[in-house]
Amino acid sequence: MKLYQRGFGLTKIKNRFSDSIDSVKEYSSLRAAMEDHFGHDATKGSSRFGVADLMVDVDAVNIYVNFKNSTKSLYSIISDYYNDGNNTRRFKNYMINRFSDSSSKIESDTRNILSPEGTLALNAEYVAALATFKTYFNVFYESDQAILAASVYKDMIQKRLEN
């Protein structure tokens, strides 16, 4: 899998750290701030990863996989995709296409993107890109905050599957 594909649909979570951390004093906890900012239109402070952003990421992954595995035209794939079903189906396909239908993979992939370990940590381009991202956007977080964000992201995706 290419480097850009590993983080596809998850890189915006990094920006949400600054949204959540900046407005944490308005919430009972950092977890509560993250839950309000990830994949929602925040009720307090601001969120740069609202519902529309989440859906764009879900649709992009699903359409990419459909296109990669089909001989149909891109127009046909997109037309079929948007005319066939509801948000629950979109999220179910996202779970299969991005996370091999594993809720634990949501959390581990997200955690690994935020705090690289294993083979991703050995990828010099990714490590440099993450460091540049953090510096450019002034985003800094501790590893325990990355673990918390990964858990919140997993819970958010699972809730979308239930609706």
Foldseek 3Di string as FASTA:
>chain_A
DDPVLLCQLQPLLLVQQCQLVVCVVVDPGSLVSLLQQAQDQHPDGGHPHHVVNNLVSLVVLLLVVVVVPDPDDSVVSVVCVVVDDDQLVSLCSSCCRNPVVDLVSQLVSQLCLQPNDDPQVVPVVSVVVNVCVCVVSVGDDDSVVSSSSSVSRSVVSVVSNVD
